[in-house]
Amino acid sequence: MRDWANYDMENSPHEIEALVDSYLARNYHNPLVEPEVKGVRFDMLKCLDLYHSKELEAQVKRFVIKPKRSFRQDNPPSAR
């Protein structure tokens, strides 16, 4: 997997994990839903917020080696 990723896996795991944990720890609630659905969680909304966050964008700039490229672009099916 390391050979396929355009991602600095040596230096980034702890920072990425901390960022994800900080978003999952957020207290999202909806007072209209909570009385009807006990234990409702909003983890998907937290993930969406993380995906669109400036913090994640900053980490991408630091840890993704070729952020404008994908594995498929660098290894088209005809080249395999």
PDB file of N, CA and C in Angstrom:
ATOM      1  N   MET A   1       0.821  -1.191   0.000  1.00  0.00           N
ATOM      2  CA  MET A   1       0.000   0.000   0.000  1.00  0.00           C
ATOM      3  C   MET A   1       0.867   1.258   0.000  1.00  0.00           C
ATOM      4  N   ARG A   2       1.970   1.199   0.715  1.00  0.00           N
ATOM      5  CA  ARG A   2       2.857   2.371   0.750  1.00  0.00           C
ATOM      6  C   ARG A   2       3.358   2.743  -0.638  1.00  0.00           C
ATOM      7  N   ASP A   3       3.576   1.744  -1.494  1.00  0.00           N
ATOM      8  CA  ASP A   3       4.047   2.024  -2.849  1.00  0.00           C
ATOM      9  C   ASP A   3       2.986   2.716  -3.683  1.00  0.00           C
ATOM     10  N   TRP A   4       1.735   2.492  -3.391  1.00  0.00           N
ATOM     11  CA  TRP A   4       0.643   3.061  -4.179  1.00  0.00           C
ATOM     12  C   TRP A   4       0.248   4.457  -3.707  1.00  0.00           C
ATOM     13  N   ALA A   5       0.501   4.750  -2.480  1.00  0.00           N
ATOM     14  CA  ALA A   5       0.009   6.004  -1.893  1.00  0.00           C
ATOM     15  C   ALA A   5       0.945   7.167  -2.191  1.00  0.00           C
ATOM     16  N   ASN A   6       0.370   8.278  -2.528  1.00  0.00           N
ATOM     17  CA  ASN A   6       1.116   9.529  -2.661  1.00  0.00           C
ATOM     18  C   ASN A   6       0.970  10.305  -1.360  1.00  0.00           C
ATOM     19  N   TYR A   7       1.366   9.647  -0.277  1.00  0.00           N
ATOM     20  CA  TYR A   7       1.073  10.141   1.055  1.00  0.00           C
ATOM     21  C   TYR A   7       2.253   9.824   1.947  1.00  0.00           C
ATOM     22  N   ASP A   8       2.673  10.762   2.746  1.00  0.00           N
ATOM     23  CA  ASP A   8       3.792  10.569   3.652  1.00  0.00           C
ATOM     24  C   ASP A   8       3.317   9.823   4.897  1.00  0.00           C
ATOM     25  N   MET A   9       3.372   8.506   4.846  1.00  0.00           N
ATOM     26  CA  MET A   9       2.880   7.686   5.960  1.00  0.00           C
ATOM     27  C   MET A   9       3.844   7.640   7.140  1.00  0.00           C
ATOM     28  N   GLU A  10       5.060   8.057   6.925  1.00  0.00           N
ATOM     29  CA  GLU A  10       6.040   8.046   8.015  1.00  0.00           C
ATOM     30  C   GLU A  10       5.790   9.173   9.016  1.00  0.00           C
ATOM     31  N   ASN A  11       5.414  10.325   8.523  1.00  0.00           N
ATOM     32  CA  ASN A  11       5.334  11.515   9.374  1.00  0.00           C
ATOM     33  C   ASN A  11       3.928  11.964   9.730  1.00  0.00           C
ATOM     34  N   SER A  12       2.905  11.362   9.157  1.00  0.00           N
ATOM     35  CA  SER A  12       1.574  11.916   9.325  1.00  0.00           C
ATOM     36  C   SER A  12       0.580  11.155  10.198  1.00  0.00           C
ATOM     37  N   PRO A  13       0.745   9.872  10.480  1.00  0.00           N
ATOM     38  CA  PRO A  13      -0.348   9.143  11.144  1.00  0.00           C
ATOM     39  C   PRO A  13      -0.857   9.758  12.439  1.00  0.00           C
ATOM     40  N   HIS A  14       0.035  10.241  13.277  1.00  0.00           N
ATOM     41  CA  HIS A  14      -0.415  10.771  14.572  1.00  0.00           C
ATOM     42  C   HIS A  14      -1.201  12.071  14.411  1.00  0.00           C
ATOM     43  N   GLU A  15      -0.795  12.901  13.492  1.00  0.00           N
ATOM     44  CA  GLU A  15      -1.509  14.165  13.288  1.00  0.00           C
ATOM     45  C   GLU A  15      -2.874  13.930  12.650  1.00  0.00           C
ATOM     46  N   ILE A  16      -2.940  13.016  11.697  1.00  0.00           N
ATOM     47  CA  ILE A  16      -4.223  12.697  11.061  1.00  0.00           C
ATOM     48  C   ILE A  16      -5.165  12.079  12.099  1.00  0.00           C
ATOM     49  N   GLU A  17      -4.651  11.148  12.881  1.00  0.00           N
ATOM     50  CA  GLU A  17      -5.472  10.514  13.909  1.00  0.00           C
ATOM     51  C   GLU A  17      -5.991  11.537  14.911  1.00  0.00           C
ATOM     52  N   ALA A  18      -5.153  12.463  15.324  1.00  0.00           N
ATOM     53  CA  ALA A  18      -5.566  13.507  16.268  1.00  0.00           C
ATOM     54  C   ALA A  18      -6.652  14.394  15.662  1.00  0.00           C
ATOM     55  N   LEU A  19      -6.514  14.719  14.375  1.00  0.00           N
ATOM     56  CA  LEU A  19      -7.517  15.549  13.714  1.00  0.00           C
ATOM     57  C   LEU A  19      -8.859  14.822  13.638  1.00  0.00           C
ATOM     58  N   VAL A  20      -8.839  13.555  13.247  1.00  0.00           N
ATOM     59  CA  VAL A  20     -10.074  12.772  13.175  1.00  0.00           C
ATOM     60  C   VAL A  20     -10.701  12.661  14.559  1.00  0.00           C
ATOM     61  N   ASP A  21      -9.906  12.352  15.565  1.00  0.00           N
ATOM     62  CA  ASP A  21     -10.431  12.234  16.931  1.00  0.00           C
ATOM     63  C   ASP A  21     -11.056  13.549  17.403  1.00  0.00           C
ATOM     64  N   SER A  22     -10.449  14.677  17.033  1.00  0.00           N
ATOM     65  CA  SER A  22     -11.004  15.960  17.477  1.00  0.00           C
ATOM     66  C   SER A  22     -12.373  16.218  16.844  1.00  0.00           C
ATOM     67  N   TYR A  23     -12.564  15.802  15.597  1.00  0.00           N
ATOM     68  CA  TYR A  23     -13.869  15.988  14.955  1.00  0.00           C
ATOM     69  C   TYR A  23     -14.901  15.004  15.514  1.00  0.00           C
ATOM     70  N   LEU A  24     -14.495  13.761  15.770  1.00  0.00           N
ATOM     71  CA  LEU A  24     -15.443  12.794  16.326  1.00  0.00           C
ATOM     72  C   LEU A  24     -15.852  13.146  17.755  1.00  0.00           C
ATOM     73  N   ALA A  25     -15.014  13.881  18.467  1.00  0.00           N
ATOM     74  CA  ALA A  25     -15.322  14.268  19.850  1.00  0.00           C
ATOM     75  C   ALA A  25     -16.273  15.459  19.928  1.00  0.00           C
ATOM     76  N   ARG A  26     -16.542  16.081  18.800  1.00  0.00           N
ATOM     77  CA  ARG A  26     -17.448  17.236  18.811  1.00  0.00           C
ATOM     78  C   ARG A  26     -18.843  16.824  19.267  1.00  0.00           C
ATOM     79  N   ASN A  27     -19.533  17.766  19.898  1.00  0.00           N
ATOM     80  CA  ASN A  27     -20.856  17.489  20.443  1.00  0.00           C
ATOM     81  C   ASN A  27     -21.921  18.018  19.479  1.00  0.00           C
ATOM     82  N   TYR A  28     -22.322  17.178  18.536  1.00  0.00           N
ATOM     83  CA  TYR A  28     -23.387  17.527  17.609  1.00  0.00           C
ATOM     84  C   TYR A  28     -24.691  16.995  18.186  1.00  0.00           C
ATOM     85  N   HIS A  29     -25.715  17.807  18.164  1.00  0.00           N
ATOM     86  CA  HIS A  29     -27.009  17.338  18.646  1.00  0.00           C
ATOM     87  C   HIS A  29     -28.126  18.052  17.898  1.00  0.00           C
ATOM     88  N   ASN A  30     -29.271  17.418  17.909  1.00  0.00           N
ATOM     89  CA  ASN A  30     -30.462  17.988  17.279  1.00  0.00           C
ATOM     90  C   ASN A  30     -31.608  17.799  18.265  1.00  0.00           C
ATOM     91  N   PRO A  31     -32.057  18.860  18.912  1.00  0.00           N
ATOM     92  CA  PRO A  31     -33.089  18.728  19.944  1.00  0.00           C
ATOM     93  C   PRO A  31     -34.418  18.214  19.401  1.00  0.00           C
ATOM     94  N   LEU A  32     -34.652  18.315  18.100  1.00  0.00           N
ATOM     95  CA  LEU A  32     -35.902  17.802  17.538  1.00  0.00           C
ATOM     96  C   LEU A  32     -35.871  16.292  17.340  1.00  0.00           C
ATOM     97  N   VAL A  33     -34.708  15.743  17.074  1.00  0.00           N
ATOM     98  CA  VAL A  33     -34.576  14.309  16.816  1.00  0.00           C
ATOM     99  C   VAL A  33     -34.326  13.521  18.097  1.00  0.00           C
ATOM    100  N   GLU A  34     -33.547  14.069  19.002  1.00  0.00           N
ATOM    101  CA  GLU A  34     -33.112  13.318  20.178  1.00  0.00           C
ATOM    102  C   GLU A  34     -34.249  12.772  21.049  1.00  0.00           C
ATOM    103  N   PRO A  35     -35.361  13.478  21.221  1.00  0.00           N
ATOM    104  CA  PRO A  35     -36.445  12.872  22.009  1.00  0.00           C
ATOM    105  C   PRO A  35     -37.086  11.653  21.307  1.00  0.00           C
ATOM    106  N   GLU A  36     -37.029  11.625  19.995  1.00  0.00           N
ATOM    107  CA  GLU A  36     -37.647  10.528  19.248  1.00  0.00           C
ATOM    108  C   GLU A  36     -36.705   9.348  19.028  1.00  0.00           C
ATOM    109  N   VAL A  37     -35.422   9.607  18.887  1.00  0.00           N
ATOM    110  CA  VAL A  37     -34.441   8.554  18.603  1.00  0.00           C
ATOM    111  C   VAL A  37     -33.392   8.579  19.704  1.00  0.00           C
ATOM    112  N   LYS A  38     -33.474   7.608  20.589  1.00  0.00           N
ATOM    113  CA  LYS A  38     -32.532   7.543  21.710  1.00  0.00           C
ATOM    114  C   LYS A  38     -31.142   7.149  21.208  1.00  0.00           C
ATOM    115  N   GLY A  39     -30.129   7.848  21.675  1.00  0.00           N
ATOM    116  CA  GLY A  39     -28.750   7.525  21.327  1.00  0.00           C
ATOM    117  C   GLY A  39     -28.356   7.888  19.906  1.00  0.00           C
ATOM    118  N   VAL A  40     -29.121   8.785  19.295  1.00  0.00           N
ATOM    119  CA  VAL A  40     -28.798   9.191  17.923  1.00  0.00           C
ATOM    120  C   VAL A  40     -27.413   9.839  17.893  1.00  0.00           C
ATOM    121  N   ARG A  41     -26.644   9.507  16.852  1.00  0.00           N
ATOM    122  CA  ARG A  41     -25.306  10.074  16.698  1.00  0.00           C
ATOM    123  C   ARG A  41     -25.216  10.760  15.346  1.00  0.00           C
ATOM    124  N   PHE A  42     -24.354  11.724  15.261  1.00  0.00           N
ATOM    125  CA  PHE A  42     -24.205  12.499  14.041  1.00  0.00           C
ATOM    126  C   PHE A  42     -22.782  12.390  13.495  1.00  0.00           C
ATOM    127  N   ASP A  43     -22.230  11.182  13.546  1.00  0.00           N
ATOM    128  CA  ASP A  43     -20.852  10.985  13.110  1.00  0.00           C
ATOM    129  C   ASP A  43     -20.664  11.293  11.627  1.00  0.00           C
ATOM    130  N   MET A  44     -21.661  11.013  10.804  1.00  0.00           N
ATOM    131  CA  MET A  44     -21.537  11.306   9.376  1.00  0.00           C
ATOM    132  C   MET A  44     -21.374  12.810   9.147  1.00  0.00           C
ATOM    133  N   LEU A  45     -22.103  13.612   9.883  1.00  0.00           N
ATOM    134  CA  LEU A  45     -21.966  15.071   9.754  1.00  0.00           C
ATOM    135  C   LEU A  45     -20.582  15.532  10.207  1.00  0.00           C
ATOM    136  N   LYS A  46     -20.059  14.888  11.241  1.00  0.00           N
ATOM    137  CA  LYS A  46     -18.720  15.228  11.706  1.00  0.00           C
ATOM    138  C   LYS A  46     -17.694  14.904  10.631  1.00  0.00           C
ATOM    139  N   CYS A  47     -17.868  13.758   9.969  1.00  0.00           N
ATOM    140  CA  CYS A  47     -16.948  13.369   8.899  1.00  0.00           C
ATOM    141  C   CYS A  47     -17.031  14.338   7.719  1.00  0.00           C
ATOM    142  N   LEU A  48     -18.238  14.756   7.383  1.00  0.00           N
ATOM    143  CA  LEU A  48     -18.399  15.731   6.300  1.00  0.00           C
ATOM    144  C   LEU A  48     -17.737  17.056   6.654  1.00  0.00           C
ATOM    145  N   ASP A  49     -17.901  17.485   7.889  1.00  0.00           N
ATOM    146  CA  ASP A  49     -17.251  18.725   8.318  1.00  0.00           C
ATOM    147  C   ASP A  49     -15.736  18.590   8.264  1.00  0.00           C
ATOM    148  N   LEU A  50     -15.224  17.437   8.686  1.00  0.00           N
ATOM    149  CA  LEU A  50     -13.788  17.195   8.609  1.00  0.00           C
ATOM    150  C   LEU A  50     -13.322  17.241   7.159  1.00  0.00           C
ATOM    151  N   TYR A  51     -14.042  16.586   6.262  1.00  0.00           N
ATOM    152  CA  TYR A  51     -13.678  16.522   4.851  1.00  0.00           C
ATOM    153  C   TYR A  51     -13.549  17.918   4.234  1.00  0.00           C
ATOM    154  N   HIS A  52     -14.409  18.823   4.657  1.00  0.00           N
ATOM    155  CA  HIS A  52     -14.413  20.181   4.107  1.00  0.00           C
ATOM    156  C   HIS A  52     -13.642  21.182   4.971  1.00  0.00           C
ATOM    157  N   SER A  53     -12.900  20.700   5.948  1.00  0.00           N
ATOM    158  CA  SER A  53     -12.244  21.608   6.904  1.00  0.00           C
ATOM    159  C   SER A  53     -10.926  22.168   6.384  1.00  0.00           C
ATOM    160  N   LYS A  54     -10.601  23.329   6.883  1.00  0.00           N
ATOM    161  CA  LYS A  54      -9.315  23.952   6.569  1.00  0.00           C
ATOM    162  C   LYS A  54      -8.172  23.180   7.226  1.00  0.00           C
ATOM    163  N   GLU A  55      -8.448  22.546   8.373  1.00  0.00           N
ATOM    164  CA  GLU A  55      -7.415  21.755   9.056  1.00  0.00           C
ATOM    165  C   GLU A  55      -6.979  20.565   8.194  1.00  0.00           C
ATOM    166  N   LEU A  56      -7.945  19.883   7.591  1.00  0.00           N
ATOM    167  CA  LEU A  56      -7.600  18.758   6.721  1.00  0.00           C
ATOM    168  C   LEU A  56      -6.874  19.253   5.477  1.00  0.00           C
ATOM    169  N   GLU A  57      -7.321  20.352   4.929  1.00  0.00           N
ATOM    170  CA  GLU A  57      -6.653  20.922   3.755  1.00  0.00           C
ATOM    171  C   GLU A  57      -5.190  21.237   4.069  1.00  0.00           C
ATOM    172  N   ALA A  58      -4.936  21.780   5.249  1.00  0.00           N
ATOM    173  CA  ALA A  58      -3.564  22.089   5.646  1.00  0.00           C
ATOM    174  C   ALA A  58      -2.730  20.816   5.764  1.00  0.00           C
ATOM    175  N   GLN A  59      -3.320  19.749   6.305  1.00  0.00           N
ATOM    176  CA  GLN A  59      -2.577  18.498   6.421  1.00  0.00           C
ATOM    177  C   GLN A  59      -2.337  17.866   5.058  1.00  0.00           C
ATOM    178  N   VAL A  60      -3.282  17.993   4.159  1.00  0.00           N
ATOM    179  CA  VAL A  60      -3.085  17.481   2.797  1.00  0.00           C
ATOM    180  C   VAL A  60      -1.891  18.185   2.161  1.00  0.00           C
ATOM    181  N   LYS A  61      -1.807  19.479   2.328  1.00  0.00           N
ATOM    182  CA  LYS A  61      -0.684  20.228   1.757  1.00  0.00           C
ATOM    183  C   LYS A  61       0.646  19.797   2.359  1.00  0.00           C
ATOM    184  N   ARG A  62       0.631  19.378   3.623  1.00  0.00           N
ATOM    185  CA  ARG A  62       1.866  18.957   4.293  1.00  0.00           C
ATOM    186  C   ARG A  62       2.247  17.516   3.984  1.00  0.00           C
ATOM    187  N   PHE A  63       1.249  16.616   3.855  1.00  0.00           N
ATOM    188  CA  PHE A  63       1.554  15.190   3.827  1.00  0.00           C
ATOM    189  C   PHE A  63       1.285  14.471   2.512  1.00  0.00           C
ATOM    190  N   VAL A  64       0.510  15.047   1.629  1.00  0.00           N
ATOM    191  CA  VAL A  64       0.253  14.383   0.350  1.00  0.00           C
ATOM    192  C   VAL A  64       1.335  14.821  -0.625  1.00  0.00           C
ATOM    193  N   ILE A  65       2.072  13.845  -1.129  1.00  0.00           N
ATOM    194  CA  ILE A  65       3.244  14.129  -1.939  1.00  0.00           C
ATOM    195  C   ILE A  65       2.868  14.781  -3.266  1.00  0.00           C
ATOM    196  N   LYS A  66       1.845  14.247  -3.937  1.00  0.00           N
ATOM    197  CA  LYS A  66       1.380  14.816  -5.210  1.00  0.00           C
ATOM    198  C   LYS A  66      -0.127  15.049  -5.104  1.00  0.00           C
ATOM    199  N   PRO A  67      -0.560  16.138  -4.477  1.00  0.00           N
ATOM    200  CA  PRO A  67      -1.988  16.323  -4.207  1.00  0.00           C
ATOM    201  C   PRO A  67      -2.866  16.487  -5.445  1.00  0.00           C
ATOM    202  N   LYS A  68      -2.292  16.839  -6.562  1.00  0.00           N
ATOM    203  CA  LYS A  68      -3.092  17.030  -7.779  1.00  0.00           C
ATOM    204  C   LYS A  68      -3.139  15.769  -8.640  1.00  0.00           C
ATOM    205  N   ARG A  69      -2.505  14.679  -8.180  1.00  0.00           N
ATOM    206  CA  ARG A  69      -2.431  13.447  -8.959  1.00  0.00           C
ATOM    207  C   ARG A  69      -3.111  12.303  -8.206  1.00  0.00           C
ATOM    208  N   SER A  70      -3.558  11.307  -8.947  1.00  0.00           N
ATOM    209  CA  SER A  70      -4.127  10.107  -8.349  1.00  0.00           C
ATOM    210  C   SER A  70      -3.350   8.893  -8.843  1.00  0.00           C
ATOM    211  N   PHE A  71      -3.512   7.771  -8.182  1.00  0.00           N
ATOM    212  CA  PHE A  71      -2.855   6.537  -8.606  1.00  0.00           C
ATOM    213  C   PHE A  71      -3.268   6.193 -10.029  1.00  0.00           C
ATOM    214  N   ARG A  72      -4.547   6.350 -10.325  1.00  0.00           N
ATOM    215  CA  ARG A  72      -5.047   6.022 -11.664  1.00  0.00           C
ATOM    216  C   ARG A  72      -4.411   6.917 -12.733  1.00  0.00           C
ATOM    217  N   GLN A  73      -4.221   8.189 -12.425  1.00  0.00           N
ATOM    218  CA  GLN A  73      -3.579   9.082 -13.385  1.00  0.00           C
ATOM    219  C   GLN A  73      -2.130   8.668 -13.669  1.00  0.00           C
ATOM    220  N   ASP A  74      -1.432   8.254 -12.628  1.00  0.00           N
ATOM    221  CA  ASP A  74      -0.038   7.874 -12.773  1.00  0.00           C
ATOM    222  C   ASP A  74       0.129   6.438 -13.284  1.00  0.00           C
ATOM    223  N   ASN A  75      -0.918   5.624 -13.202  1.00  0.00           N
ATOM    224  CA  ASN A  75      -0.875   4.223 -13.632  1.00  0.00           C
ATOM    225  C   ASN A  75      -2.129   3.878 -14.419  1.00  0.00           C
ATOM    226  N   PRO A  76      -2.262   4.401 -15.624  1.00  0.00           N
ATOM    227  CA  PRO A  76      -3.481   4.120 -16.396  1.00  0.00           C
ATOM    228  C   PRO A  76      -3.611   2.615 -16.672  1.00  0.00           C
ATOM    229  N   PRO A  77      -4.824   2.122 -16.821  1.00  0.00           N
ATOM    230  CA  PRO A  77      -5.037   0.683 -17.014  1.00  0.00           C
ATOM    231  C   PRO A  77      -4.257   0.105 -18.186  1.00  0.00           C
ATOM    232  N   SER A  78      -4.057   0.848 -19.254  1.00  0.00           N
ATOM    233  CA  SER A  78      -3.343   0.330 -20.417  1.00  0.00           C
ATOM    234  C   SER A  78      -1.846   0.144 -20.134  1.00  0.00           C
ATOM    235  N   ALA A  79      -1.314   0.831 -19.125  1.00  0.00           N
ATOM    236  CA  ALA A  79       0.113   0.738 -18.799  1.00  0.00           C
ATOM    237  C   ALA A  79       0.419  -0.450 -17.907  1.00  0.00           C
ATOM    238  N   ARG A  80      -0.581  -1.069 -17.324  1.00  0.00           N
ATOM    239  CA  ARG A  80      -0.349  -2.190 -16.402  1.00  0.00           C
ATOM    240  C   ARG A  80      -0.117  -3.466 -17.116  1.00  0.00           C
TER     241      ARG A  80
END
